[in-house]
């Protein structure tokens, strides 16, 4: 899918003010398309630090929407598996009651193997890569924030991913891995999105009520050119979710995550870009635990309910995501925006 369609869909969503909810996420190669920040409260002056771990094991083969055997469609490179383990540090600061900034820095450990066909011979090639990924920075602005929290707060999101990550990792034979599995993309990417969030009250199982956030987000990432002008496919991610207050300190998480990934652009390389891109829909149940007002610990499992890939690709049976955050209240001082609704 060409990037102009991503821009068009995001701009079209801007007119749908009836959409229920918010937020943000970005998705790189083999990452979980989930929103892990929108169900929390935001207050001016707060600073939040976090850690996240993602596990994605792509070892199932698929042609279009159907399961396939390994090498059912053969090419120059036949992917066998990719296992991604991503450790991500994050920091968020609420500069005012409307304006916030987020930073995310991943450390990627990725195992990959494929069959390389050369001179009529099949050669097994494998990599175990580790290194820093690309730093992402986004700015959030609540351009519509009613005092009644049952009404949607609408948020504009803009930012980018910067080429801070490793992009020249090699295996034990000295072969450089293709850019699609490198920890970093060696490109500068643009992130733009819209989000909405509403807050209701729901009955707990033990009696009383607790906050019930409903959030929605549309996030597009327009990727730039990397090594040898290779460009990873643009992405569009749509998320809707909530956190139901089962007990005072325990919430039941639920999300619907849709990811649309365009084909890569091979630039001056010889990569088989016809094996990239597709559409993915996940149901993501999970739990969150809040031992006190500062800590939040959570976990999500992503179950694919629809996957369509271009040509033949490896996909995962499930994705796992765990994280924890700690919030410093009013660390920056409380500031209110003077701009009216």
C-alpha atoms as a PDB file:
ATOM      1  CA  UNK A   1       0.000   0.000   0.000  1.00  0.00           C
ATOM      2  CA  UNK A   2       1.379   3.395  -0.956  1.00  0.00           C
ATOM      3  CA  UNK A   3       1.953   5.909   1.840  1.00  0.00           C
ATOM      4  CA  UNK A   4      -0.597   8.361   0.403  1.00  0.00           C
ATOM      5  CA  UNK A   5      -3.365   5.954   1.447  1.00  0.00           C
ATOM      6  CA  UNK A   6      -2.119   5.940   5.025  1.00  0.00           C
ATOM      7  CA  UNK A   7      -2.195   9.732   5.085  1.00  0.00           C
ATOM      8  CA  UNK A   8      -5.682   9.731   3.513  1.00  0.00           C
ATOM      9  CA  UNK A   9      -7.118   7.301   6.096  1.00  0.00           C
ATOM     10  CA  UNK A  10      -5.675   9.275   9.027  1.00  0.00           C
ATOM     11  CA  UNK A  11      -7.015  12.564   7.684  1.00  0.00           C
ATOM     12  CA  UNK A  12     -10.405  10.973   7.081  1.00  0.00           C
ATOM     13  CA  UNK A  13     -10.468   9.757  10.690  1.00  0.00           C
ATOM     14  CA  UNK A  14      -9.933  13.333  11.854  1.00  0.00           C
ATOM     15  CA  UNK A  15     -13.495  14.138  10.831  1.00  0.00           C
ATOM     16  CA  UNK A  16     -15.038  11.283  12.842  1.00  0.00           C
ATOM     17  CA  UNK A  17     -15.421  13.061  16.166  1.00  0.00           C
ATOM     18  CA  UNK A  18     -17.840  10.371  17.351  1.00  0.00           C
ATOM     19  CA  UNK A  19     -15.029   7.848  17.632  1.00  0.00           C
ATOM     20  CA  UNK A  20     -14.796   6.609  21.233  1.00  0.00           C
ATOM     21  CA  UNK A  21     -11.072   6.914  22.443  1.00  0.00           C
ATOM     22  CA  UNK A  22      -7.016   7.458  22.299  1.00  0.00           C
ATOM     23  CA  UNK A  23      -3.382   6.842  21.956  1.00  0.00           C
ATOM     24  CA  UNK A  24      -0.230   5.558  20.691  1.00  0.00           C
ATOM     25  CA  UNK A  25       2.020   2.784  19.587  1.00  0.00           C
ATOM     26  CA  UNK A  26       4.375   2.112  16.965  1.00  0.00           C
ATOM     27  CA  UNK A  27       5.229  -1.001  15.274  1.00  0.00           C
ATOM     28  CA  UNK A  28       8.554  -2.054  13.809  1.00  0.00           C
ATOM     29  CA  UNK A  29       9.586  -5.358  12.216  1.00  0.00           C
ATOM     30  CA  UNK A  30       7.939  -8.201  14.151  1.00  0.00           C
ATOM     31  CA  UNK A  31       6.612  -6.142  17.036  1.00  0.00           C
ATOM     32  CA  UNK A  32       3.331  -6.309  18.915  1.00  0.00           C
ATOM     33  CA  UNK A  33       0.793  -3.781  17.576  1.00  0.00           C
ATOM     34  CA  UNK A  34      -0.670  -2.931  20.991  1.00  0.00           C
ATOM     35  CA  UNK A  35      -1.461   0.203  22.974  1.00  0.00           C
ATOM     36  CA  UNK A  36       0.036   0.101  26.470  1.00  0.00           C
ATOM     37  CA  UNK A  37      -0.474   3.668  27.667  1.00  0.00           C
ATOM     38  CA  UNK A  38      -3.967   4.907  26.832  1.00  0.00           C
ATOM     39  CA  UNK A  39      -5.910   3.387  29.723  1.00  0.00           C
ATOM     40  CA  UNK A  40      -3.897   5.339  32.346  1.00  0.00           C
ATOM     41  CA  UNK A  41      -4.645   8.805  33.719  1.00  0.00           C
ATOM     42  CA  UNK A  42      -2.482  11.756  32.709  1.00  0.00           C
ATOM     43  CA  UNK A  43      -1.886  14.749  34.952  1.00  0.00           C
ATOM     44  CA  UNK A  44       0.155  17.890  34.288  1.00  0.00           C
ATOM     45  CA  UNK A  45       3.677  17.696  35.697  1.00  0.00           C
ATOM     46  CA  UNK A  46       3.813  13.885  35.889  1.00  0.00           C
ATOM     47  CA  UNK A  47       6.784  11.887  34.590  1.00  0.00           C
ATOM     48  CA  UNK A  48       6.472   8.164  33.889  1.00  0.00           C
ATOM     49  CA  UNK A  49       9.298   5.662  33.339  1.00  0.00           C
ATOM     50  CA  UNK A  50       8.650   2.203  31.951  1.00  0.00           C
ATOM     51  CA  UNK A  51      10.049  -1.114  30.797  1.00  0.00           C
ATOM     52  CA  UNK A  52       8.438  -3.457  28.273  1.00  0.00           C
ATOM     53  CA  UNK A  53       9.267  -6.894  26.895  1.00  0.00           C
ATOM     54  CA  UNK A  54       7.845  -8.285  23.645  1.00  0.00           C
ATOM     55  CA  UNK A  55       8.119 -11.847  22.367  1.00  0.00           C
ATOM     56  CA  UNK A  56       7.137 -12.710  18.783  1.00  0.00           C
ATOM     57  CA  UNK A  57       7.899 -16.133  17.266  1.00  0.00           C
ATOM     58  CA  UNK A  58       7.232 -16.246  13.522  1.00  0.00           C
ATOM     59  CA  UNK A  59       7.601 -19.915  12.624  1.00  0.00           C
ATOM     60  CA  UNK A  60       4.340 -20.679  10.805  1.00  0.00           C
ATOM     61  CA  UNK A  61       4.195 -20.285   7.027  1.00  0.00           C
ATOM     62  CA  UNK A  62       1.294 -18.725   5.214  1.00  0.00           C
ATOM     63  CA  UNK A  63       0.295 -17.932   1.629  1.00  0.00           C
ATOM     64  CA  UNK A  64      -2.282 -15.180   1.514  1.00  0.00           C
ATOM     65  CA  UNK A  65      -4.838 -16.118   4.207  1.00  0.00           C
ATOM     66  CA  UNK A  66      -4.021 -19.844   4.295  1.00  0.00           C
ATOM     67  CA  UNK A  67      -1.434 -22.032   6.013  1.00  0.00           C
ATOM     68  CA  UNK A  68       1.446 -23.233   3.889  1.00  0.00           C
ATOM     69  CA  UNK A  69       4.419 -25.567   4.044  1.00  0.00           C
ATOM     70  CA  UNK A  70       7.976 -24.300   4.315  1.00  0.00           C
ATOM     71  CA  UNK A  71       9.252 -23.506   0.785  1.00  0.00           C
ATOM     72  CA  UNK A  72       5.857 -24.177  -0.780  1.00  0.00           C
ATOM     73  CA  UNK A  73       6.699 -21.160  -2.917  1.00  0.00           C
ATOM     74  CA  UNK A  74      10.438 -21.001  -3.461  1.00  0.00           C
ATOM     75  CA  UNK A  75      12.585 -17.990  -4.104  1.00  0.00           C
ATOM     76  CA  UNK A  76      16.103 -16.662  -3.709  1.00  0.00           C
ATOM     77  CA  UNK A  77      15.605 -16.570   0.071  1.00  0.00           C
ATOM     78  CA  UNK A  78      13.117 -18.932   1.748  1.00  0.00           C
ATOM     79  CA  UNK A  79      12.372 -17.758   5.292  1.00  0.00           C
ATOM     80  CA  UNK A  80      12.373 -20.525   7.919  1.00  0.00           C
ATOM     81  CA  UNK A  81      11.725 -18.600  11.149  1.00  0.00           C
ATOM     82  CA  UNK A  82      12.257 -15.301  12.965  1.00  0.00           C
ATOM     83  CA  UNK A  83      12.103 -14.954  16.758  1.00  0.00           C
ATOM     84  CA  UNK A  84      12.114 -11.412  18.158  1.00  0.00           C
ATOM     85  CA  UNK A  85      12.724 -10.473  21.785  1.00  0.00           C
ATOM     86  CA  UNK A  86      12.443  -6.739  22.304  1.00  0.00           C
ATOM     87  CA  UNK A  87      13.300  -4.930  25.538  1.00  0.00           C
ATOM     88  CA  UNK A  88      11.974  -1.361  25.459  1.00  0.00           C
ATOM     89  CA  UNK A  89      12.643   1.534  27.821  1.00  0.00           C
ATOM     90  CA  UNK A  90      10.151   4.388  27.808  1.00  0.00           C
ATOM     91  CA  UNK A  91       9.730   7.819  29.355  1.00  0.00           C
ATOM     92  CA  UNK A  92       6.737  10.153  29.221  1.00  0.00           C
ATOM     93  CA  UNK A  93       6.363  13.696  30.514  1.00  0.00           C
ATOM     94  CA  UNK A  94       3.131  15.676  30.862  1.00  0.00           C
ATOM     95  CA  UNK A  95       4.322  19.218  30.168  1.00  0.00           C
ATOM     96  CA  UNK A  96       0.852  20.742  30.657  1.00  0.00           C
ATOM     97  CA  UNK A  97      -2.650  19.396  31.169  1.00  0.00           C
ATOM     98  CA  UNK A  98      -2.882  19.075  27.351  1.00  0.00           C
ATOM     99  CA  UNK A  99       0.666  18.626  26.062  1.00  0.00           C
ATOM    100  CA  UNK A 100       2.832  15.537  26.566  1.00  0.00           C
ATOM    101  CA  UNK A 101       5.942  13.950  25.071  1.00  0.00           C
ATOM    102  CA  UNK A 102       6.952  10.265  24.852  1.00  0.00           C
ATOM    103  CA  UNK A 103      10.287   8.552  24.229  1.00  0.00           C
ATOM    104  CA  UNK A 104      10.838   4.858  23.487  1.00  0.00           C
ATOM    105  CA  UNK A 105      14.195   3.112  23.004  1.00  0.00           C
ATOM    106  CA  UNK A 106      14.268  -0.632  22.191  1.00  0.00           C
ATOM    107  CA  UNK A 107      17.023  -3.199  22.575  1.00  0.00           C
ATOM    108  CA  UNK A 108      16.410  -5.992  20.067  1.00  0.00           C
ATOM    109  CA  UNK A 109      17.503  -9.615  20.207  1.00  0.00           C
ATOM    110  CA  UNK A 110      16.451 -11.455  17.060  1.00  0.00           C
ATOM    111  CA  UNK A 111      17.100 -14.978  15.735  1.00  0.00           C
ATOM    112  CA  UNK A 112      16.510 -15.667  12.057  1.00  0.00           C
ATOM    113  CA  UNK A 113      17.151 -18.457   9.567  1.00  0.00           C
ATOM    114  CA  UNK A 114      16.484 -18.895   5.872  1.00  0.00           C
ATOM    115  CA  UNK A 115      17.527 -21.064   2.954  1.00  0.00           C
ATOM    116  CA  UNK A 116      19.610 -19.171   0.428  1.00  0.00           C
ATOM    117  CA  UNK A 117      19.560 -20.615  -3.078  1.00  0.00           C
ATOM    118  CA  UNK A 118      22.877 -19.959  -4.815  1.00  0.00           C
ATOM    119  CA  UNK A 119      24.271 -21.627  -7.911  1.00  0.00           C
ATOM    120  CA  UNK A 120      21.642 -24.371  -7.741  1.00  0.00           C
ATOM    121  CA  UNK A 121      22.578 -25.249  -4.134  1.00  0.00           C
ATOM    122  CA  UNK A 122      20.511 -24.708  -0.969  1.00  0.00           C
ATOM    123  CA  UNK A 123      22.517 -23.007   1.779  1.00  0.00           C
ATOM    124  CA  UNK A 124      21.199 -22.588   5.328  1.00  0.00           C
ATOM    125  CA  UNK A 125      22.004 -19.134   6.702  1.00  0.00           C
ATOM    126  CA  UNK A 126      21.203 -17.994  10.229  1.00  0.00           C
ATOM    127  CA  UNK A 127      21.709 -14.967  12.468  1.00  0.00           C
ATOM    128  CA  UNK A 128      21.482 -14.147  16.166  1.00  0.00           C
ATOM    129  CA  UNK A 129      21.370 -10.362  16.269  1.00  0.00           C
ATOM    130  CA  UNK A 130      21.439  -8.037  19.257  1.00  0.00           C
ATOM    131  CA  UNK A 131      21.614  -4.279  19.387  1.00  0.00           C
ATOM    132  CA  UNK A 132      19.882  -1.005  20.041  1.00  0.00           C
ATOM    133  CA  UNK A 133      16.853  -0.208  17.921  1.00  0.00           C
ATOM    134  CA  UNK A 134      15.609   3.157  16.696  1.00  0.00           C
ATOM    135  CA  UNK A 135      14.652   5.871  19.182  1.00  0.00           C
ATOM    136  CA  UNK A 136      11.026   7.006  18.816  1.00  0.00           C
ATOM    137  CA  UNK A 137       9.800  10.390  20.018  1.00  0.00           C
ATOM    138  CA  UNK A 138       6.200  11.597  19.805  1.00  0.00           C
ATOM    139  CA  UNK A 139       4.350  14.661  20.993  1.00  0.00           C
ATOM    140  CA  UNK A 140       0.693  14.489  22.107  1.00  0.00           C
ATOM    141  CA  UNK A 141      -1.705  17.427  22.227  1.00  0.00           C
ATOM    142  CA  UNK A 142      -5.292  17.232  23.544  1.00  0.00           C
ATOM    143  CA  UNK A 143      -6.996  19.636  21.161  1.00  0.00           C
ATOM    144  CA  UNK A 144     -10.457  18.779  22.536  1.00  0.00           C
ATOM    145  CA  UNK A 145     -10.745  18.113  26.269  1.00  0.00           C
ATOM    146  CA  UNK A 146     -14.223  18.478  27.804  1.00  0.00           C
ATOM    147  CA  UNK A 147     -14.583  18.744  31.575  1.00  0.00           C
ATOM    148  CA  UNK A 148     -17.078  15.884  31.434  1.00  0.00           C
ATOM    149  CA  UNK A 149     -14.781  12.856  31.188  1.00  0.00           C
ATOM    150  CA  UNK A 150     -17.560  10.742  29.704  1.00  0.00           C
ATOM    151  CA  UNK A 151     -17.153  12.805  26.550  1.00  0.00           C
ATOM    152  CA  UNK A 152     -14.182  11.960  24.299  1.00  0.00           C
ATOM    153  CA  UNK A 153     -10.869  13.731  24.770  1.00  0.00           C
ATOM    154  CA  UNK A 154      -9.351  14.015  21.282  1.00  0.00           C
ATOM    155  CA  UNK A 155      -5.583  13.920  20.884  1.00  0.00           C
ATOM    156  CA  UNK A 156      -3.294  14.717  17.954  1.00  0.00           C
ATOM    157  CA  UNK A 157      -0.015  12.770  17.794  1.00  0.00           C
ATOM    158  CA  UNK A 158       3.092  13.558  15.757  1.00  0.00           C
ATOM    159  CA  UNK A 159       6.707  12.493  15.949  1.00  0.00           C
ATOM    160  CA  UNK A 160       9.294  10.237  14.416  1.00  0.00           C
ATOM    161  CA  UNK A 161      11.700   7.329  14.670  1.00  0.00           C
ATOM    162  CA  UNK A 162      15.361   8.208  14.301  1.00  0.00           C
ATOM    163  CA  UNK A 163      18.262   6.051  12.986  1.00  0.00           C
ATOM    164  CA  UNK A 164      19.929   5.328  16.332  1.00  0.00           C
ATOM    165  CA  UNK A 165      19.805   1.543  15.976  1.00  0.00           C
ATOM    166  CA  UNK A 166      22.283  -1.039  14.722  1.00  0.00           C
ATOM    167  CA  UNK A 167      21.804  -1.779  11.018  1.00  0.00           C
ATOM    168  CA  UNK A 168      24.976  -3.633   9.994  1.00  0.00           C
ATOM    169  CA  UNK A 169      24.832  -6.748  12.200  1.00  0.00           C
ATOM    170  CA  UNK A 170      26.489  -9.920  10.831  1.00  0.00           C
ATOM    171  CA  UNK A 171      26.424 -13.646  11.552  1.00  0.00           C
ATOM    172  CA  UNK A 172      29.395 -15.840  12.419  1.00  0.00           C
ATOM    173  CA  UNK A 173      30.244 -16.176   8.716  1.00  0.00           C
ATOM    174  CA  UNK A 174      30.487 -12.403   8.336  1.00  0.00           C
ATOM    175  CA  UNK A 175      27.278 -12.091   6.277  1.00  0.00           C
ATOM    176  CA  UNK A 176      25.309  -8.905   6.899  1.00  0.00           C
ATOM    177  CA  UNK A 177      21.625  -9.552   7.674  1.00  0.00           C
ATOM    178  CA  UNK A 178      18.987  -7.993   5.444  1.00  0.00           C
ATOM    179  CA  UNK A 179      17.621  -4.691   6.693  1.00  0.00           C
ATOM    180  CA  UNK A 180      14.214  -6.158   7.535  1.00  0.00           C
ATOM    181  CA  UNK A 181      15.631  -8.112  10.499  1.00  0.00           C
ATOM    182  CA  UNK A 182      18.268  -5.643  11.688  1.00  0.00           C
ATOM    183  CA  UNK A 183      17.669  -4.039  15.121  1.00  0.00           C
ATOM    184  CA  UNK A 184      17.491  -0.610  13.448  1.00  0.00           C
ATOM    185  CA  UNK A 185      16.121   0.527  10.106  1.00  0.00           C
ATOM    186  CA  UNK A 186      18.858   3.111   9.312  1.00  0.00           C
ATOM    187  CA  UNK A 187      16.046   5.477   8.299  1.00  0.00           C
ATOM    188  CA  UNK A 188      14.199   8.502   9.608  1.00  0.00           C
ATOM    189  CA  UNK A 189      10.464   7.788   9.879  1.00  0.00           C
ATOM    190  CA  UNK A 190       7.455  10.044  10.448  1.00  0.00           C
ATOM    191  CA  UNK A 191       4.663   9.145  12.903  1.00  0.00           C
ATOM    192  CA  UNK A 192       1.246  10.803  12.817  1.00  0.00           C
ATOM    193  CA  UNK A 193      -2.027   9.874  14.453  1.00  0.00           C
ATOM    194  CA  UNK A 194      -5.283  10.666  16.191  1.00  0.00           C
ATOM    195  CA  UNK A 195      -6.597   9.300  19.468  1.00  0.00           C
ATOM    196  CA  UNK A 196      -9.671   9.483  21.665  1.00  0.00           C
ATOM    197  CA  UNK A 197     -10.298   8.543  25.283  1.00  0.00           C
ATOM    198  CA  UNK A 198     -13.358   8.482  27.532  1.00  0.00           C
ATOM    199  CA  UNK A 199     -13.652   7.598  31.209  1.00  0.00           C
ATOM    200  CA  UNK A 200     -16.642   5.852  32.758  1.00  0.00           C
ATOM    201  CA  UNK A 201     -17.336   4.085  36.057  1.00  0.00           C
ATOM    202  CA  UNK A 202     -18.003   0.330  36.329  1.00  0.00           C
ATOM    203  CA  UNK A 203     -18.978  -1.994  39.194  1.00  0.00           C
ATOM    204  CA  UNK A 204     -16.222  -4.126  40.678  1.00  0.00           C
ATOM    205  CA  UNK A 205     -16.753  -7.777  41.597  1.00  0.00           C
ATOM    206  CA  UNK A 206     -16.109  -6.934  45.255  1.00  0.00           C
ATOM    207  CA  UNK A 207     -18.540  -4.013  45.254  1.00  0.00           C
ATOM    208  CA  UNK A 208     -18.116  -0.322  44.649  1.00  0.00           C
ATOM    209  CA  UNK A 209     -17.035   1.209  41.360  1.00  0.00           C
ATOM    210  CA  UNK A 210     -13.783   1.857  39.546  1.00  0.00           C
ATOM    211  CA  UNK A 211     -12.615   3.776  36.444  1.00  0.00           C
ATOM    212  CA  UNK A 212     -13.413   2.219  33.070  1.00  0.00           C
ATOM    213  CA  UNK A 213     -11.443   3.870  30.242  1.00  0.00           C
ATOM    214  CA  UNK A 214     -12.488   3.351  26.609  1.00  0.00           C
ATOM    215  CA  UNK A 215      -9.771   4.297  24.111  1.00  0.00           C
ATOM    216  CA  UNK A 216      -9.287   4.342  20.358  1.00  0.00           C
ATOM    217  CA  UNK A 217      -6.337   5.296  18.179  1.00  0.00           C
ATOM    218  CA  UNK A 218      -5.277   5.516  14.528  1.00  0.00           C
ATOM    219  CA  UNK A 219      -1.491   5.707  14.068  1.00  0.00           C
ATOM    220  CA  UNK A 220       0.414   5.838  10.780  1.00  0.00           C
ATOM    221  CA  UNK A 221       4.149   5.453  10.301  1.00  0.00           C
ATOM    222  CA  UNK A 222       5.701   6.680   7.042  1.00  0.00           C
ATOM    223  CA  UNK A 223       9.132   5.118   6.712  1.00  0.00           C
ATOM    224  CA  UNK A 224      12.153   6.701   5.055  1.00  0.00           C
ATOM    225  CA  UNK A 225      14.954   5.093   3.052  1.00  0.00           C
ATOM    226  CA  UNK A 226      17.658   3.120   4.809  1.00  0.00           C
ATOM    227  CA  UNK A 227      20.739   1.215   3.664  1.00  0.00           C
ATOM    228  CA  UNK A 228      21.008   1.044  -0.148  1.00  0.00           C
ATOM    229  CA  UNK A 229      17.742   3.023  -0.296  1.00  0.00           C
ATOM    230  CA  UNK A 230      15.818   0.034   1.070  1.00  0.00           C
ATOM    231  CA  UNK A 231      12.607   1.231   2.710  1.00  0.00           C
ATOM    232  CA  UNK A 232      10.438  -0.760   5.099  1.00  0.00           C
ATOM    233  CA  UNK A 233       6.735  -0.685   4.242  1.00  0.00           C
ATOM    234  CA  UNK A 234       4.572   2.049   5.773  1.00  0.00           C
ATOM    235  CA  UNK A 235       2.193   0.946   8.521  1.00  0.00           C
ATOM    236  CA  UNK A 236      -1.270   1.878   9.716  1.00  0.00           C
ATOM    237  CA  UNK A 237      -2.351   0.702  13.153  1.00  0.00           C
ATOM    238  CA  UNK A 238      -5.872   0.934  14.601  1.00  0.00           C
ATOM    239  CA  UNK A 239      -6.526   0.035  18.243  1.00  0.00           C
ATOM    240  CA  UNK A 240      -9.618  -0.043  20.436  1.00  0.00           C
ATOM    241  CA  UNK A 241      -9.507  -1.182  24.048  1.00  0.00           C
ATOM    242  CA  UNK A 242     -10.427  -0.893  27.696  1.00  0.00           C
ATOM    243  CA  UNK A 243      -9.391  -1.912  31.217  1.00  0.00           C
ATOM    244  CA  UNK A 244     -12.240  -3.277  33.360  1.00  0.00           C
ATOM    245  CA  UNK A 245     -11.757  -2.739  37.132  1.00  0.00           C
ATOM    246  CA  UNK A 246     -12.349  -6.297  38.406  1.00  0.00           C
ATOM    247  CA  UNK A 247     -10.840  -5.554  41.843  1.00  0.00           C
ATOM    248  CA  UNK A 248      -9.472  -2.319  43.362  1.00  0.00           C
ATOM    249  CA  UNK A 249      -5.923  -3.178  42.244  1.00  0.00           C
ATOM    250  CA  UNK A 250      -6.604  -5.543  39.324  1.00  0.00           C
ATOM    251  CA  UNK A 251      -7.932  -4.684  35.878  1.00  0.00           C
ATOM    252  CA  UNK A 252      -8.985  -6.942  33.007  1.00  0.00           C
ATOM    253  CA  UNK A 253      -7.495  -5.644  29.754  1.00  0.00           C
ATOM    254  CA  UNK A 254      -9.016  -6.129  26.330  1.00  0.00           C
ATOM    255  CA  UNK A 255      -7.939  -4.745  22.965  1.00  0.00           C
ATOM    256  CA  UNK A 256      -8.680  -5.166  19.278  1.00  0.00           C
ATOM    257  CA  UNK A 257      -5.561  -4.420  17.208  1.00  0.00           C
ATOM    258  CA  UNK A 258      -5.449  -4.034  13.446  1.00  0.00           C
ATOM    259  CA  UNK A 259      -2.184  -3.610  11.542  1.00  0.00           C
ATOM    260  CA  UNK A 260      -1.863  -2.787   7.856  1.00  0.00           C
ATOM    261  CA  UNK A 261       1.694  -3.037   6.530  1.00  0.00           C
ATOM    262  CA  UNK A 262       2.649  -1.944   3.011  1.00  0.00           C
ATOM    263  CA  UNK A 263       5.203  -3.680   0.825  1.00  0.00           C
ATOM    264  CA  UNK A 264       8.838  -2.751   1.273  1.00  0.00           C
ATOM    265  CA  UNK A 265      10.710  -0.805  -1.408  1.00  0.00           C
ATOM    266  CA  UNK A 266      13.888  -2.671  -2.383  1.00  0.00           C
ATOM    267  CA  UNK A 267      15.834   0.430  -3.422  1.00  0.00           C
ATOM    268  CA  UNK A 268      19.098  -0.697  -5.018  1.00  0.00           C
ATOM    269  CA  UNK A 269      19.076  -4.117  -3.291  1.00  0.00           C
ATOM    270  CA  UNK A 270      17.937  -7.465  -4.719  1.00  0.00           C
ATOM    271  CA  UNK A 271      15.581  -8.321  -1.845  1.00  0.00           C
ATOM    272  CA  UNK A 272      12.320 -10.136  -2.613  1.00  0.00           C
ATOM    273  CA  UNK A 273       9.913  -7.407  -1.539  1.00  0.00           C
ATOM    274  CA  UNK A 274       6.954  -9.316  -2.993  1.00  0.00           C
ATOM    275  CA  UNK A 275       7.152 -11.372   0.237  1.00  0.00           C
ATOM    276  CA  UNK A 276       6.493  -8.353   2.470  1.00  0.00           C
ATOM    277  CA  UNK A 277       3.339  -6.581   3.653  1.00  0.00           C
ATOM    278  CA  UNK A 278      -0.142  -7.684   4.637  1.00  0.00           C
ATOM    279  CA  UNK A 279      -3.063  -7.163   7.023  1.00  0.00           C
ATOM    280  CA  UNK A 280      -3.319  -8.494  10.576  1.00  0.00           C
ATOM    281  CA  UNK A 281      -6.146  -8.437  13.144  1.00  0.00           C
ATOM    282  CA  UNK A 282      -5.579  -9.465  16.775  1.00  0.00           C
ATOM    283  CA  UNK A 283      -7.640  -9.940  19.918  1.00  0.00           C
ATOM    284  CA  UNK A 284      -5.483  -9.012  22.921  1.00  0.00           C
ATOM    285  CA  UNK A 285      -6.687 -10.038  26.393  1.00  0.00           C
ATOM    286  CA  UNK A 286      -4.576  -9.239  29.441  1.00  0.00           C
ATOM    287  CA  UNK A 287      -4.323  -8.180  33.074  1.00  0.00           C
ATOM    288  CA  UNK A 288      -2.982  -5.152  34.886  1.00  0.00           C
ATOM    289  CA  UNK A 289      -1.990  -4.888  38.557  1.00  0.00           C
ATOM    290  CA  UNK A 290      -1.687  -1.591  40.424  1.00  0.00           C
ATOM    291  CA  UNK A 291      -0.090  -2.164  43.857  1.00  0.00           C
ATOM    292  CA  UNK A 292      -0.340   1.605  44.505  1.00  0.00           C
ATOM    293  CA  UNK A 293      -1.037   4.833  42.614  1.00  0.00           C
ATOM    294  CA  UNK A 294       2.518   4.969  41.216  1.00  0.00           C
ATOM    295  CA  UNK A 295       3.111   1.435  39.910  1.00  0.00           C
ATOM    296  CA  UNK A 296       1.404  -0.351  37.037  1.00  0.00           C
ATOM    297  CA  UNK A 297       2.311  -3.905  35.965  1.00  0.00           C
ATOM    298  CA  UNK A 298       0.592  -5.486  32.961  1.00  0.00           C
ATOM    299  CA  UNK A 299       0.637  -8.327  30.485  1.00  0.00           C
ATOM    300  CA  UNK A 300      -1.085  -8.958  27.141  1.00  0.00           C
ATOM    301  CA  UNK A 301      -1.360 -11.959  24.823  1.00  0.00           C
ATOM    302  CA  UNK A 302      -2.139 -11.217  21.174  1.00  0.00           C
ATOM    303  CA  UNK A 303      -4.129 -13.868  19.341  1.00  0.00           C
ATOM    304  CA  UNK A 304      -4.387 -13.475  15.547  1.00  0.00           C
ATOM    305  CA  UNK A 305      -7.946 -13.826  14.226  1.00  0.00           C
ATOM    306  CA  UNK A 306      -7.155 -12.708  10.683  1.00  0.00           C
ATOM    307  CA  UNK A 307      -3.858 -12.640   8.786  1.00  0.00           C
ATOM    308  CA  UNK A 308      -3.334 -12.006   5.080  1.00  0.00           C
ATOM    309  CA  UNK A 309       0.191 -11.797   3.739  1.00  0.00           C
ATOM    310  CA  UNK A 310       1.580 -11.050   0.306  1.00  0.00           C
ATOM    311  CA  UNK A 311       2.863 -14.191  -1.445  1.00  0.00           C
ATOM    312  CA  UNK A 312       4.430 -16.413   1.286  1.00  0.00           C
ATOM    313  CA  UNK A 313       5.634 -15.250   4.712  1.00  0.00           C
ATOM    314  CA  UNK A 314       6.196 -16.476   8.258  1.00  0.00           C
ATOM    315  CA  UNK A 315       3.585 -15.531  10.866  1.00  0.00           C
ATOM    316  CA  UNK A 316       3.142 -16.100  14.608  1.00  0.00           C
ATOM    317  CA  UNK A 317       0.534 -18.117  16.526  1.00  0.00           C
ATOM    318  CA  UNK A 318       0.587 -15.524  19.304  1.00  0.00           C
ATOM    319  CA  UNK A 319       2.530 -12.521  20.606  1.00  0.00           C
ATOM    320  CA  UNK A 320       3.358 -11.782  24.251  1.00  0.00           C
ATOM    321  CA  UNK A 321       3.821  -8.386  25.850  1.00  0.00           C
ATOM    322  CA  UNK A 322       4.750  -7.584  29.465  1.00  0.00           C
ATOM    323  CA  UNK A 323       5.584  -4.287  31.095  1.00  0.00           C
ATOM    324  CA  UNK A 324       5.802  -2.110  34.170  1.00  0.00           C
ATOM    325  CA  UNK A 325       5.677   1.651  34.700  1.00  0.00           C
ATOM    326  CA  UNK A 326       6.378   3.975  37.616  1.00  0.00           C
ATOM    327  CA  UNK A 327       4.931   7.490  37.761  1.00  0.00           C
ATOM    328  CA  UNK A 328       6.450  10.492  39.547  1.00  0.00           C
ATOM    329  CA  UNK A 329       3.608  12.869  40.372  1.00  0.00           C
ATOM    330  CA  UNK A 330       3.986  16.592  39.682  1.00  0.00           C
ATOM    331  CA  UNK A 331       7.735  16.228  39.141  1.00  0.00           C
ATOM    332  CA  UNK A 332       7.719  19.028  36.553  1.00  0.00           C
ATOM    333  CA  UNK A 333       5.235  21.223  38.380  1.00  0.00           C
ATOM    334  CA  UNK A 334       1.586  21.541  37.375  1.00  0.00           C
ATOM    335  CA  UNK A 335       0.760  23.750  34.391  1.00  0.00           C
ATOM    336  CA  UNK A 336      -2.606  24.349  32.836  1.00  0.00           C
ATOM    337  CA  UNK A 337      -3.115  25.194  29.205  1.00  0.00           C
ATOM    338  CA  UNK A 338      -4.848  28.534  28.712  1.00  0.00           C
ATOM    339  CA  UNK A 339      -6.224  27.547  25.341  1.00  0.00           C
ATOM    340  CA  UNK A 340     -10.013  26.945  25.455  1.00  0.00           C
ATOM    341  CA  UNK A 341     -11.754  23.832  24.108  1.00  0.00           C
END
